[in-house]
Amino acid sequence: MNKRIWFMASGAIALGVVLLASFSSDVAVHVSEQQNRAGSTTSAVSAPSRMADPREDDDLVAINAPLERQQGELARQQWIDQQLAEAWLQQLAEPGNQQQWIQQFWQACRAHDCDVALADLAPWLSAEQLAVLRQDVRNFGLYHEQMSNLVMSTELTPQQRYEQVSYLRQRQFGEAAERLFGHEDAFAYYQFAYDQLFQHDRRSLTPEQRLQAVTALREQRLSELGANRDELLGAMQAYQQDLLLLNDLSADERAYWQARLREQYFPNQSAEVAAHEQRLAQLADQQQRYQNALAALKSEMDALADTLPAEVWQQRYQQQLGELRATIFTPIVVN
């Protein structure tokens, strides 16, 4: 049932119940007055008292229950609408990353009626705020359709593909594109610049210059993100990116810079991070030794395949495989 028709129907039911209650009250008063007058003139004859029929209470409950359910559902829906409106106001107060909220709202309402869903938020939004939301939802539907039909050459670089998407957004959303996609744009172009530094520029830089370059890059590209910066590039992600810039150094030199970076990014947990990294390195080494030993065992057993019965060959292979695993996969102890 249409929400407004249902609301009008529930209002009519409520009015009918009020009138019914008022009419019942008048009748009860009228009957009571007649009984009082009868009692004063015929005191010699006492009228038998009438017991209340419990079924009358059940009837009232049955009449009121649907109305109460409807009123409860209406109150619940109004609460949901209010929460959505307040969430949108918060989005407007923090521009730069509104695309996810708009996308979720559009996906939820398009299966029914987005105009009705938007109208339900009107009591909690100004006309301007509601108009902005309505335009964003409309544009997002058109943008989704255009993205579904967008075909890009596989020969394009990741940055070229992203720039095509960015151009489409600018064309569809206009000035609102910055409010909706600004943070994503900033982080994307930071990643492209970091890739340039990693793939090419670092070759002519010392380790210290590489770290200075990536720090300057973050200040330049990510400063506008504010409090949202850590969500896109937290301490662990930045630490790992810094280490990646140093992966061509000798083992001793890399260990030196890695210790410095641990102190920089994790001053209170550097020992725990070092222990975790040691365990990961040992696990990687253990796995590599297993793969090498397994390849050697398979080569050895393949040479015996034609000289042994299949059952004997399989038994020997399983035995040696078990011994290999027991030898390599011993418990790792972190110093």
C-alpha atoms as a PDB file:
ATOM      1  CA  MET A   1       0.000   0.000   0.000  1.00  0.00           C
ATOM      2  CA  ASN A   2       1.218   3.491  -0.793  1.00  0.00           C
ATOM      3  CA  LYS A   3       2.674   5.001   2.358  1.00  0.00           C
ATOM      4  CA  ARG A   4       0.521   8.125   2.242  1.00  0.00           C
ATOM      5  CA  ILE A   5      -2.698   6.187   1.553  1.00  0.00           C
ATOM      6  CA  TRP A   6      -1.837   3.920   4.461  1.00  0.00           C
ATOM      7  CA  PHE A   7      -1.200   6.928   6.694  1.00  0.00           C
ATOM      8  CA  MET A   8      -4.588   8.479   5.731  1.00  0.00           C
ATOM      9  CA  ALA A   9      -6.293   5.164   6.393  1.00  0.00           C
ATOM     10  CA  SER A  10      -4.672   4.852   9.796  1.00  0.00           C
ATOM     11  CA  GLY A  11      -5.765   8.421  10.580  1.00  0.00           C
ATOM     12  CA  ALA A  12      -9.358   7.557   9.643  1.00  0.00           C
ATOM     13  CA  ILE A  13      -9.249   4.487  11.867  1.00  0.00           C
ATOM     14  CA  ALA A  14      -7.895   6.552  14.745  1.00  0.00           C
ATOM     15  CA  LEU A  15     -10.649   9.127  14.323  1.00  0.00           C
ATOM     16  CA  GLY A  16     -13.268   6.357  14.240  1.00  0.00           C
ATOM     17  CA  VAL A  17     -11.962   4.866  17.480  1.00  0.00           C
ATOM     18  CA  VAL A  18     -12.056   8.288  19.172  1.00  0.00           C
ATOM     19  CA  LEU A  19     -15.681   8.826  18.080  1.00  0.00           C
ATOM     20  CA  LEU A  20     -16.599   5.308  19.199  1.00  0.00           C
ATOM     21  CA  ALA A  21     -15.062   5.901  22.613  1.00  0.00           C
ATOM     22  CA  SER A  22     -16.883   9.234  22.969  1.00  0.00           C
ATOM     23  CA  PHE A  23     -20.233   7.689  21.964  1.00  0.00           C
ATOM     24  CA  SER A  24     -19.749   4.776  24.390  1.00  0.00           C
ATOM     25  CA  SER A  25     -18.998   7.224  27.202  1.00  0.00           C
ATOM     26  CA  ASP A  26     -22.212   9.211  26.567  1.00  0.00           C
ATOM     27  CA  VAL A  27     -24.320   6.059  26.508  1.00  0.00           C
ATOM     28  CA  ALA A  28     -22.777   4.855  29.765  1.00  0.00           C
ATOM     29  CA  VAL A  29     -23.555   8.164  31.502  1.00  0.00           C
ATOM     30  CA  HIS A  30     -27.141   8.148  30.213  1.00  0.00           C
ATOM     31  CA  VAL A  31     -27.760   4.585  31.377  1.00  0.00           C
ATOM     32  CA  SER A  32     -26.179   5.317  34.748  1.00  0.00           C
ATOM     33  CA  GLU A  33     -28.494   8.298  35.316  1.00  0.00           C
ATOM     34  CA  GLN A  34     -31.563   6.182  34.492  1.00  0.00           C
ATOM     35  CA  GLN A  35     -30.467   3.478  36.927  1.00  0.00           C
ATOM     36  CA  ASN A  36     -29.957   6.021  39.712  1.00  0.00           C
ATOM     37  CA  ARG A  37     -33.445   7.443  39.213  1.00  0.00           C
ATOM     38  CA  ALA A  38     -34.968   3.971  39.168  1.00  0.00           C
ATOM     39  CA  GLY A  39     -33.163   3.056  42.366  1.00  0.00           C
ATOM     40  CA  SER A  40     -34.505   6.116  44.225  1.00  0.00           C
ATOM     41  CA  THR A  41     -38.199   5.385  43.435  1.00  0.00           C
ATOM     42  CA  THR A  42     -38.208   1.601  43.900  1.00  0.00           C
ATOM     43  CA  SER A  43     -36.136   1.085  47.042  1.00  0.00           C
ATOM     44  CA  ALA A  44     -38.194  -1.980  48.055  1.00  0.00           C
ATOM     45  CA  VAL A  45     -37.055  -3.938  45.008  1.00  0.00           C
ATOM     46  CA  SER A  46     -33.316  -4.379  44.527  1.00  0.00           C
ATOM     47  CA  ALA A  47     -32.199  -4.993  40.964  1.00  0.00           C
ATOM     48  CA  PRO A  48     -29.712  -7.850  40.525  1.00  0.00           C
ATOM     49  CA  SER A  49     -26.143  -6.621  39.837  1.00  0.00           C
ATOM     50  CA  ARG A  50     -24.752  -7.325  36.349  1.00  0.00           C
ATOM     51  CA  MET A  51     -21.341  -9.064  36.149  1.00  0.00           C
ATOM     52  CA  ALA A  52     -18.824  -7.600  33.668  1.00  0.00           C
ATOM     53  CA  ASP A  53     -18.318  -9.822  30.644  1.00  0.00           C
ATOM     54  CA  PRO A  54     -14.527 -10.366  30.156  1.00  0.00           C
ATOM     55  CA  ARG A  55     -15.149 -10.874  26.472  1.00  0.00           C
ATOM     56  CA  GLU A  56     -15.863  -7.160  26.148  1.00  0.00           C
ATOM     57  CA  ASP A  57     -12.230  -6.367  27.125  1.00  0.00           C
ATOM     58  CA  ASP A  58     -10.992  -8.920  24.599  1.00  0.00           C
ATOM     59  CA  ASP A  59     -13.077  -7.236  21.905  1.00  0.00           C
ATOM     60  CA  LEU A  60     -11.529  -3.836  22.698  1.00  0.00           C
ATOM     61  CA  VAL A  61      -8.024  -5.298  22.559  1.00  0.00           C
ATOM     62  CA  ALA A  62      -8.794  -6.927  19.211  1.00  0.00           C
ATOM     63  CA  ILE A  63     -10.091  -3.594  17.858  1.00  0.00           C
ATOM     64  CA  ASN A  64      -7.135  -1.540  19.120  1.00  0.00           C
ATOM     65  CA  ALA A  65      -4.329  -3.999  18.315  1.00  0.00           C
ATOM     66  CA  PRO A  66      -4.175  -3.283  14.528  1.00  0.00           C
ATOM     67  CA  LEU A  67      -4.191   0.449  15.179  1.00  0.00           C
ATOM     68  CA  GLU A  68      -1.408   0.168  17.731  1.00  0.00           C
ATOM     69  CA  ARG A  69       0.671  -1.899  15.321  1.00  0.00           C
ATOM     70  CA  GLN A  70       0.145   0.651  12.566  1.00  0.00           C
ATOM     71  CA  GLN A  71       1.050   3.523  14.870  1.00  0.00           C
ATOM     72  CA  GLY A  72       4.167   1.653  16.024  1.00  0.00           C
ATOM     73  CA  GLU A  73       5.240   0.978  12.445  1.00  0.00           C
ATOM     74  CA  LEU A  74       4.684   4.625  11.526  1.00  0.00           C
ATOM     75  CA  ALA A  75       6.754   5.788  14.504  1.00  0.00           C
ATOM     76  CA  ARG A  76       9.524   3.346  13.589  1.00  0.00           C
ATOM     77  CA  GLN A  77       9.592   4.515   9.965  1.00  0.00           C
ATOM     78  CA  GLN A  78       9.677   8.153  11.047  1.00  0.00           C
ATOM     79  CA  TRP A  79      12.615   7.380  13.335  1.00  0.00           C
ATOM     80  CA  ILE A  80      14.485   5.723  10.435  1.00  0.00           C
ATOM     81  CA  ASP A  81      13.781   8.722   8.186  1.00  0.00           C
ATOM     82  CA  GLN A  82      15.073  11.075  10.871  1.00  0.00           C
ATOM     83  CA  GLN A  83      18.281   9.050  11.253  1.00  0.00           C
ATOM     84  CA  LEU A  84      18.837   9.130   7.481  1.00  0.00           C
ATOM     85  CA  ALA A  85      18.282  12.870   7.381  1.00  0.00           C
ATOM     86  CA  GLU A  86      20.729  13.448  10.232  1.00  0.00           C
ATOM     87  CA  ALA A  87      23.305  11.221   8.505  1.00  0.00           C
ATOM     88  CA  TRP A  88      22.961  13.308   5.352  1.00  0.00           C
ATOM     89  CA  LEU A  89      23.468  16.522   7.326  1.00  0.00           C
ATOM     90  CA  GLN A  90      26.669  15.043   8.724  1.00  0.00           C
ATOM     91  CA  GLN A  91      27.791  14.201   5.199  1.00  0.00           C
ATOM     92  CA  LEU A  92      27.192  17.795   4.124  1.00  0.00           C
ATOM     93  CA  ALA A  93      29.297  18.989   7.038  1.00  0.00           C
ATOM     94  CA  GLU A  94      32.246  16.790   5.949  1.00  0.00           C
ATOM     95  CA  PRO A  95      32.587  17.122   2.155  1.00  0.00           C
ATOM     96  CA  GLY A  96      35.038  15.111   0.114  1.00  0.00           C
ATOM     97  CA  ASN A  97      33.845  11.541   0.576  1.00  0.00           C
ATOM     98  CA  GLN A  98      30.068  11.456   0.138  1.00  0.00           C
ATOM     99  CA  GLN A  99      29.938   8.993  -2.746  1.00  0.00           C
ATOM    100  CA  GLN A 100      29.508   5.901  -0.559  1.00  0.00           C
ATOM    101  CA  TRP A 101      26.517   7.365   1.317  1.00  0.00           C
ATOM    102  CA  ILE A 102      24.848   8.519  -1.897  1.00  0.00           C
ATOM    103  CA  GLN A 103      25.450   5.155  -3.547  1.00  0.00           C
ATOM    104  CA  GLN A 104      23.936   3.235  -0.629  1.00  0.00           C
ATOM    105  CA  PHE A 105      20.886   5.526  -0.491  1.00  0.00           C
ATOM    106  CA  TRP A 106      20.391   5.269  -4.248  1.00  0.00           C
ATOM    107  CA  GLN A 107      20.684   1.470  -4.218  1.00  0.00           C
ATOM    108  CA  ALA A 108      18.158   1.227  -1.380  1.00  0.00           C
ATOM    109  CA  CYS A 109      15.543   3.553  -2.851  1.00  0.00           C
ATOM    110  CA  ARG A 110      15.697   2.710  -6.564  1.00  0.00           C
ATOM    111  CA  ALA A 111      13.968  -0.647  -5.994  1.00  0.00           C
ATOM    112  CA  HIS A 112      10.876   1.253  -4.780  1.00  0.00           C
ATOM    113  CA  ASP A 113      10.526   4.992  -5.363  1.00  0.00           C
ATOM    114  CA  CYS A 114      13.357   7.436  -4.726  1.00  0.00           C
ATOM    115  CA  ASP A 115      11.009  10.439  -4.914  1.00  0.00           C
ATOM    116  CA  VAL A 116       8.905   9.049  -2.075  1.00  0.00           C
ATOM    117  CA  ALA A 117      12.005   8.186  -0.035  1.00  0.00           C
ATOM    118  CA  LEU A 118      13.330  11.719  -0.493  1.00  0.00           C
ATOM    119  CA  ALA A 119       9.979  13.272   0.423  1.00  0.00           C
ATOM    120  CA  ASP A 120       9.999  11.280   3.665  1.00  0.00           C
ATOM    121  CA  LEU A 121      13.172  13.127   4.729  1.00  0.00           C
ATOM    122  CA  ALA A 122      11.642  16.570   4.133  1.00  0.00           C
ATOM    123  CA  PRO A 123      10.534  17.204   7.757  1.00  0.00           C
ATOM    124  CA  TRP A 124      14.167  17.168   8.928  1.00  0.00           C
ATOM    125  CA  LEU A 125      15.887  18.956   6.028  1.00  0.00           C
ATOM    126  CA  SER A 126      15.752  22.463   4.660  1.00  0.00           C
ATOM    127  CA  ALA A 127      14.551  22.935   1.102  1.00  0.00           C
ATOM    128  CA  GLU A 128      18.129  23.554  -0.035  1.00  0.00           C
ATOM    129  CA  GLN A 129      19.519  20.463   1.723  1.00  0.00           C
ATOM    130  CA  LEU A 130      16.778  18.294   0.258  1.00  0.00           C
ATOM    131  CA  ALA A 131      17.358  19.737  -3.214  1.00  0.00           C
ATOM    132  CA  VAL A 132      21.081  18.924  -3.018  1.00  0.00           C
ATOM    133  CA  LEU A 133      20.322  15.341  -2.014  1.00  0.00           C
ATOM    134  CA  ARG A 134      17.697  14.944  -4.721  1.00  0.00           C
ATOM    135  CA  GLN A 135      20.118  16.181  -7.390  1.00  0.00           C
ATOM    136  CA  ASP A 136      22.935  13.934  -6.136  1.00  0.00           C
ATOM    137  CA  VAL A 137      20.696  10.864  -6.194  1.00  0.00           C
ATOM    138  CA  ARG A 138      19.471  11.662  -9.697  1.00  0.00           C
ATOM    139  CA  ASN A 139      23.019  12.250 -10.946  1.00  0.00           C
ATOM    140  CA  PHE A 140      24.269   9.073  -9.331  1.00  0.00           C
ATOM    141  CA  GLY A 141      21.690   7.021 -11.205  1.00  0.00           C
ATOM    142  CA  LEU A 142      22.825   8.536 -14.503  1.00  0.00           C
ATOM    143  CA  TYR A 143      26.489   8.144 -13.510  1.00  0.00           C
ATOM    144  CA  HIS A 144      25.959   4.453 -12.707  1.00  0.00           C
ATOM    145  CA  GLU A 145      24.388   3.930 -16.119  1.00  0.00           C
ATOM    146  CA  GLN A 146      27.299   5.660 -17.866  1.00  0.00           C
ATOM    147  CA  MET A 147      29.878   3.687 -15.888  1.00  0.00           C
ATOM    148  CA  SER A 148      28.139   0.446 -16.871  1.00  0.00           C
ATOM    149  CA  ASN A 149      28.572   1.373 -20.538  1.00  0.00           C
ATOM    150  CA  LEU A 150      32.134   2.686 -20.225  1.00  0.00           C
ATOM    151  CA  VAL A 151      34.713   0.645 -22.150  1.00  0.00           C
ATOM    152  CA  MET A 152      38.448   1.398 -21.810  1.00  0.00           C
ATOM    153  CA  SER A 153      41.430   0.022 -23.647  1.00  0.00           C
ATOM    154  CA  THR A 154      43.658  -2.371 -21.734  1.00  0.00           C
ATOM    155  CA  GLU A 155      46.616  -0.489 -23.174  1.00  0.00           C
ATOM    156  CA  LEU A 156      45.861   2.531 -20.997  1.00  0.00           C
ATOM    157  CA  THR A 157      47.840   3.013 -17.812  1.00  0.00           C
ATOM    158  CA  PRO A 158      46.003   2.907 -14.457  1.00  0.00           C
ATOM    159  CA  GLN A 159      46.264   6.692 -14.256  1.00  0.00           C
ATOM    160  CA  GLN A 160      44.814   7.137 -17.750  1.00  0.00           C
ATOM    161  CA  ARG A 161      41.889   4.863 -16.908  1.00  0.00           C
ATOM    162  CA  TYR A 162      41.248   6.745 -13.684  1.00  0.00           C
ATOM    163  CA  GLU A 163      41.348  10.069 -15.507  1.00  0.00           C
ATOM    164  CA  GLN A 164      38.612   8.855 -17.859  1.00  0.00           C
ATOM    165  CA  VAL A 165      36.433   7.997 -14.872  1.00  0.00           C
ATOM    166  CA  SER A 166      37.250  11.346 -13.271  1.00  0.00           C
ATOM    167  CA  TYR A 167      36.266  13.173 -16.459  1.00  0.00           C
ATOM    168  CA  LEU A 168      32.950  11.315 -16.524  1.00  0.00           C
ATOM    169  CA  ARG A 169      32.302  12.347 -12.917  1.00  0.00           C
ATOM    170  CA  GLN A 170      33.082  15.976 -13.618  1.00  0.00           C
ATOM    171  CA  ARG A 171      30.745  15.953 -16.596  1.00  0.00           C
ATOM    172  CA  GLN A 172      27.883  14.377 -14.640  1.00  0.00           C
ATOM    173  CA  PHE A 173      28.201  16.015 -11.215  1.00  0.00           C
ATOM    174  CA  GLY A 174      29.860  19.332 -12.025  1.00  0.00           C
ATOM    175  CA  GLU A 175      31.021  21.208  -8.912  1.00  0.00           C
ATOM    176  CA  ALA A 176      29.521  18.500  -6.694  1.00  0.00           C
ATOM    177  CA  ALA A 177      32.177  16.033  -7.918  1.00  0.00           C
ATOM    178  CA  GLU A 178      34.727  17.470  -5.474  1.00  0.00           C
ATOM    179  CA  ARG A 179      32.282  17.094  -2.586  1.00  0.00           C
ATOM    180  CA  LEU A 180      31.526  13.486  -3.512  1.00  0.00           C
ATOM    181  CA  PHE A 181      34.863  12.157  -4.815  1.00  0.00           C
ATOM    182  CA  GLY A 182      37.499  14.632  -3.608  1.00  0.00           C
ATOM    183  CA  HIS A 183      39.195  12.328  -1.109  1.00  0.00           C
ATOM    184  CA  GLU A 184      39.330   9.460  -3.572  1.00  0.00           C
ATOM    185  CA  ASP A 185      40.902  11.739  -6.178  1.00  0.00           C
ATOM    186  CA  ALA A 186      43.541  12.966  -3.733  1.00  0.00           C
ATOM    187  CA  PHE A 187      44.511   9.446  -2.686  1.00  0.00           C
ATOM    188  CA  ALA A 188      44.481   8.119  -6.251  1.00  0.00           C
ATOM    189  CA  TYR A 189      46.873  10.786  -7.496  1.00  0.00           C
ATOM    190  CA  TYR A 190      49.069  10.233  -4.454  1.00  0.00           C
ATOM    191  CA  GLN A 191      49.305   6.549  -5.412  1.00  0.00           C
ATOM    192  CA  PHE A 192      50.212   7.429  -8.996  1.00  0.00           C
ATOM    193  CA  ALA A 193      52.948   9.771  -7.775  1.00  0.00           C
ATOM    194  CA  TYR A 194      54.237   7.140  -5.327  1.00  0.00           C
ATOM    195  CA  ASP A 195      54.422   4.567  -8.131  1.00  0.00           C
ATOM    196  CA  GLN A 196      56.502   7.016 -10.158  1.00  0.00           C
ATOM    197  CA  LEU A 197      58.843   7.455  -7.206  1.00  0.00           C
ATOM    198  CA  PHE A 198      59.128   3.699  -6.661  1.00  0.00           C
ATOM    199  CA  GLN A 199      59.497   2.665 -10.287  1.00  0.00           C
ATOM    200  CA  HIS A 200      61.836   5.396 -11.506  1.00  0.00           C
ATOM    201  CA  ASP A 201      62.837   8.337  -9.309  1.00  0.00           C
ATOM    202  CA  ARG A 202      64.314   6.426  -6.374  1.00  0.00           C
ATOM    203  CA  ARG A 203      67.122   4.992  -8.510  1.00  0.00           C
ATOM    204  CA  SER A 204      68.964   8.307  -8.423  1.00  0.00           C
ATOM    205  CA  LEU A 205      68.246   9.023  -4.736  1.00  0.00           C
ATOM    206  CA  THR A 206      69.945   7.988  -1.514  1.00  0.00           C
ATOM    207  CA  PRO A 207      67.834   6.115   1.105  1.00  0.00           C
ATOM    208  CA  GLU A 208      67.409   9.301   3.102  1.00  0.00           C
ATOM    209  CA  GLN A 209      66.374  11.272   0.015  1.00  0.00           C
ATOM    210  CA  ARG A 210      63.805   8.613  -0.898  1.00  0.00           C
ATOM    211  CA  LEU A 211      62.172   8.862   2.520  1.00  0.00           C
ATOM    212  CA  GLN A 212      62.216  12.655   2.360  1.00  0.00           C
ATOM    213  CA  ALA A 213      60.596  12.523  -1.083  1.00  0.00           C
ATOM    214  CA  VAL A 214      57.731  10.285   0.025  1.00  0.00           C
ATOM    215  CA  THR A 215      57.121  12.411   3.123  1.00  0.00           C
ATOM    216  CA  ALA A 216      56.905  15.548   0.978  1.00  0.00           C
ATOM    217  CA  LEU A 217      54.599  13.715  -1.420  1.00  0.00           C
ATOM    218  CA  ARG A 218      52.186  12.859   1.364  1.00  0.00           C
ATOM    219  CA  GLU A 219      52.123  16.412   2.629  1.00  0.00           C
ATOM    220  CA  GLN A 220      51.426  17.671  -0.861  1.00  0.00           C
ATOM    221  CA  ARG A 221      48.766  15.162  -1.922  1.00  0.00           C
ATOM    222  CA  LEU A 222      47.081  14.081   1.308  1.00  0.00           C
ATOM    223  CA  SER A 223      47.015  17.217   3.461  1.00  0.00           C
ATOM    224  CA  GLU A 224      43.447  18.036   2.392  1.00  0.00           C
ATOM    225  CA  LEU A 225      42.117  14.757   3.790  1.00  0.00           C
ATOM    226  CA  GLY A 226      42.375  15.983   7.391  1.00  0.00           C
ATOM    227  CA  ALA A 227      41.165  13.430   9.934  1.00  0.00           C
ATOM    228  CA  ASN A 228      40.334  10.966   7.142  1.00  0.00           C
ATOM    229  CA  ARG A 229      43.993  10.637   6.162  1.00  0.00           C
ATOM    230  CA  ASP A 230      44.693   7.815   8.622  1.00  0.00           C
ATOM    231  CA  GLU A 231      41.769   5.804   7.236  1.00  0.00           C
ATOM    232  CA  LEU A 232      43.379   5.816   3.787  1.00  0.00           C
ATOM    233  CA  LEU A 233      47.030   5.708   4.806  1.00  0.00           C
ATOM    234  CA  GLY A 234      47.610   4.676   8.417  1.00  0.00           C
ATOM    235  CA  ALA A 235      50.942   4.233  10.149  1.00  0.00           C
ATOM    236  CA  MET A 236      51.365   0.599   9.070  1.00  0.00           C
ATOM    237  CA  GLN A 237      50.607   1.339   5.409  1.00  0.00           C
ATOM    238  CA  ALA A 238      53.008   4.299   5.360  1.00  0.00           C
ATOM    239  CA  TYR A 239      55.695   2.214   7.088  1.00  0.00           C
ATOM    240  CA  GLN A 240      55.363  -0.570   4.525  1.00  0.00           C
ATOM    241  CA  GLN A 241      55.493   1.892   1.631  1.00  0.00           C
ATOM    242  CA  ASP A 242      58.693   3.370   3.048  1.00  0.00           C
ATOM    243  CA  LEU A 243      60.238  -0.091   3.354  1.00  0.00           C
ATOM    244  CA  LEU A 244      59.297  -0.864  -0.225  1.00  0.00           C
ATOM    245  CA  LEU A 245      61.321   2.120  -1.387  1.00  0.00           C
ATOM    246  CA  LEU A 246      64.376   0.542   0.292  1.00  0.00           C
ATOM    247  CA  ASN A 247      64.020  -3.035  -0.935  1.00  0.00           C
ATOM    248  CA  ASP A 248      67.029  -2.780  -3.251  1.00  0.00           C
ATOM    249  CA  LEU A 249      69.476  -2.033  -0.413  1.00  0.00           C
ATOM    250  CA  SER A 250      71.855  -4.577   1.060  1.00  0.00           C
ATOM    251  CA  ALA A 251      70.515  -6.662   3.933  1.00  0.00           C
ATOM    252  CA  ASP A 252      72.506  -4.795   6.585  1.00  0.00           C
ATOM    253  CA  GLU A 253      71.636  -1.340   5.257  1.00  0.00           C
ATOM    254  CA  ARG A 254      67.982  -2.213   4.940  1.00  0.00           C
ATOM    255  CA  ALA A 255      67.914  -3.575   8.496  1.00  0.00           C
ATOM    256  CA  TYR A 256      69.386  -0.290   9.732  1.00  0.00           C
ATOM    257  CA  TRP A 257      66.723   1.846   8.038  1.00  0.00           C
ATOM    258  CA  GLN A 258      63.962  -0.568   9.006  1.00  0.00           C
ATOM    259  CA  ALA A 259      64.878  -0.170  12.687  1.00  0.00           C
ATOM    260  CA  ARG A 260      64.804   3.611  12.319  1.00  0.00           C
ATOM    261  CA  LEU A 261      61.412   3.515  10.630  1.00  0.00           C
ATOM    262  CA  ARG A 262      59.998   1.266  13.345  1.00  0.00           C
ATOM    263  CA  GLU A 263      61.009   3.832  15.957  1.00  0.00           C
ATOM    264  CA  GLN A 264      59.499   6.599  13.860  1.00  0.00           C
ATOM    265  CA  TYR A 265      56.116   4.991  13.217  1.00  0.00           C
ATOM    266  CA  PHE A 266      55.738   2.822  16.335  1.00  0.00           C
ATOM    267  CA  PRO A 267      57.721   4.480  19.141  1.00  0.00           C
ATOM    268  CA  ASN A 268      55.855   2.568  21.871  1.00  0.00           C
ATOM    269  CA  GLN A 269      55.545  -0.796  20.090  1.00  0.00           C
ATOM    270  CA  SER A 270      58.780  -1.041  18.090  1.00  0.00           C
ATOM    271  CA  ALA A 271      59.897  -4.202  19.939  1.00  0.00           C
ATOM    272  CA  GLU A 272      56.566  -5.939  19.280  1.00  0.00           C
ATOM    273  CA  VAL A 273      56.660  -4.956  15.607  1.00  0.00           C
ATOM    274  CA  ALA A 274      60.256  -6.236  15.318  1.00  0.00           C
ATOM    275  CA  ALA A 275      59.277  -9.586  16.867  1.00  0.00           C
ATOM    276  CA  HIS A 276      56.310  -9.897  14.506  1.00  0.00           C
ATOM    277  CA  GLU A 277      58.502  -9.140  11.494  1.00  0.00           C
ATOM    278  CA  GLN A 278      61.066 -11.697  12.639  1.00  0.00           C
ATOM    279  CA  ARG A 279      58.396 -14.359  12.864  1.00  0.00           C
ATOM    280  CA  LEU A 280      57.066 -13.486   9.390  1.00  0.00           C
ATOM    281  CA  ALA A 281      60.590 -13.702   7.953  1.00  0.00           C
ATOM    282  CA  GLN A 282      61.148 -17.093   9.566  1.00  0.00           C
ATOM    283  CA  LEU A 283      57.832 -18.386   8.262  1.00  0.00           C
ATOM    284  CA  ALA A 284      58.683 -17.190   4.757  1.00  0.00           C
ATOM    285  CA  ASP A 285      62.081 -18.873   4.954  1.00  0.00           C
ATOM    286  CA  GLN A 286      60.504 -22.059   6.282  1.00  0.00           C
ATOM    287  CA  GLN A 287      57.988 -22.139   3.450  1.00  0.00           C
ATOM    288  CA  GLN A 288      60.687 -21.552   0.850  1.00  0.00           C
ATOM    289  CA  ARG A 289      62.837 -24.374   2.233  1.00  0.00           C
ATOM    290  CA  TYR A 290      59.840 -26.686   2.147  1.00  0.00           C
ATOM    291  CA  GLN A 291      59.054 -25.841  -1.473  1.00  0.00           C
ATOM    292  CA  ASN A 292      62.680 -26.458  -2.483  1.00  0.00           C
ATOM    293  CA  ALA A 293      62.855 -29.789  -0.603  1.00  0.00           C
ATOM    294  CA  LEU A 294      59.492 -30.876  -1.996  1.00  0.00           C
ATOM    295  CA  ALA A 295      60.646 -30.185  -5.554  1.00  0.00           C
ATOM    296  CA  ALA A 296      63.813 -32.227  -4.946  1.00  0.00           C
ATOM    297  CA  LEU A 297      61.814 -35.118  -3.467  1.00  0.00           C
ATOM    298  CA  LYS A 298      59.418 -35.204  -6.413  1.00  0.00           C
ATOM    299  CA  SER A 299      62.330 -35.216  -8.869  1.00  0.00           C
ATOM    300  CA  GLU A 300      63.962 -38.096  -6.975  1.00  0.00           C
ATOM    301  CA  MET A 301      60.754 -40.126  -6.793  1.00  0.00           C
ATOM    302  CA  ASP A 302      59.903 -39.508 -10.457  1.00  0.00           C
ATOM    303  CA  ALA A 303      63.200 -41.179 -11.373  1.00  0.00           C
ATOM    304  CA  LEU A 304      62.090 -44.302  -9.447  1.00  0.00           C
ATOM    305  CA  ALA A 305      58.576 -44.470 -10.906  1.00  0.00           C
ATOM    306  CA  ASP A 306      59.511 -47.049 -13.550  1.00  0.00           C
ATOM    307  CA  THR A 307      61.614 -49.212 -11.219  1.00  0.00           C
ATOM    308  CA  LEU A 308      59.163 -49.771  -8.353  1.00  0.00           C
ATOM    309  CA  PRO A 309      55.657 -51.203  -8.152  1.00  0.00           C
ATOM    310  CA  ALA A 310      53.076 -48.414  -7.871  1.00  0.00           C
ATOM    311  CA  GLU A 311      52.052 -49.413  -4.331  1.00  0.00           C
ATOM    312  CA  VAL A 312      55.661 -49.508  -3.109  1.00  0.00           C
ATOM    313  CA  TRP A 313      56.444 -46.209  -4.827  1.00  0.00           C
ATOM    314  CA  GLN A 314      53.452 -44.498  -3.220  1.00  0.00           C
ATOM    315  CA  GLN A 315      54.320 -45.878   0.212  1.00  0.00           C
ATOM    316  CA  ARG A 316      57.927 -44.689   0.000  1.00  0.00           C
ATOM    317  CA  TYR A 317      56.867 -41.248  -1.271  1.00  0.00           C
ATOM    318  CA  GLN A 318      54.411 -40.731   1.576  1.00  0.00           C
ATOM    319  CA  GLN A 319      56.998 -41.858   4.131  1.00  0.00           C
ATOM    320  CA  GLN A 320      59.683 -39.483   2.858  1.00  0.00           C
ATOM    321  CA  LEU A 321      57.165 -36.639   2.534  1.00  0.00           C
ATOM    322  CA  GLY A 322      56.171 -37.081   6.173  1.00  0.00           C
ATOM    323  CA  GLU A 323      59.818 -37.057   7.278  1.00  0.00           C
ATOM    324  CA  LEU A 324      60.458 -33.925   5.228  1.00  0.00           C
ATOM    325  CA  ARG A 325      57.545 -32.076   6.809  1.00  0.00           C
ATOM    326  CA  ALA A 326      58.543 -33.135  10.308  1.00  0.00           C
ATOM    327  CA  THR A 327      62.076 -31.882   9.714  1.00  0.00           C
ATOM    328  CA  ILE A 328      61.170 -28.491   8.239  1.00  0.00           C
ATOM    329  CA  PHE A 329      58.023 -27.532  10.110  1.00  0.00           C
ATOM    330  CA  THR A 330      59.507 -27.401  13.599  1.00  0.00           C
ATOM    331  CA  PRO A 331      58.131 -24.785  16.025  1.00  0.00           C
ATOM    332  CA  ILE A 332      59.529 -21.312  15.397  1.00  0.00           C
ATOM    333  CA  VAL A 333      61.019 -19.554  18.413  1.00  0.00           C
ATOM    334  CA  VAL A 334      61.302 -15.752  18.290  1.00  0.00           C
ATOM    335  CA  ASN A 335      64.203 -14.295  20.248  1.00  0.00           C
END
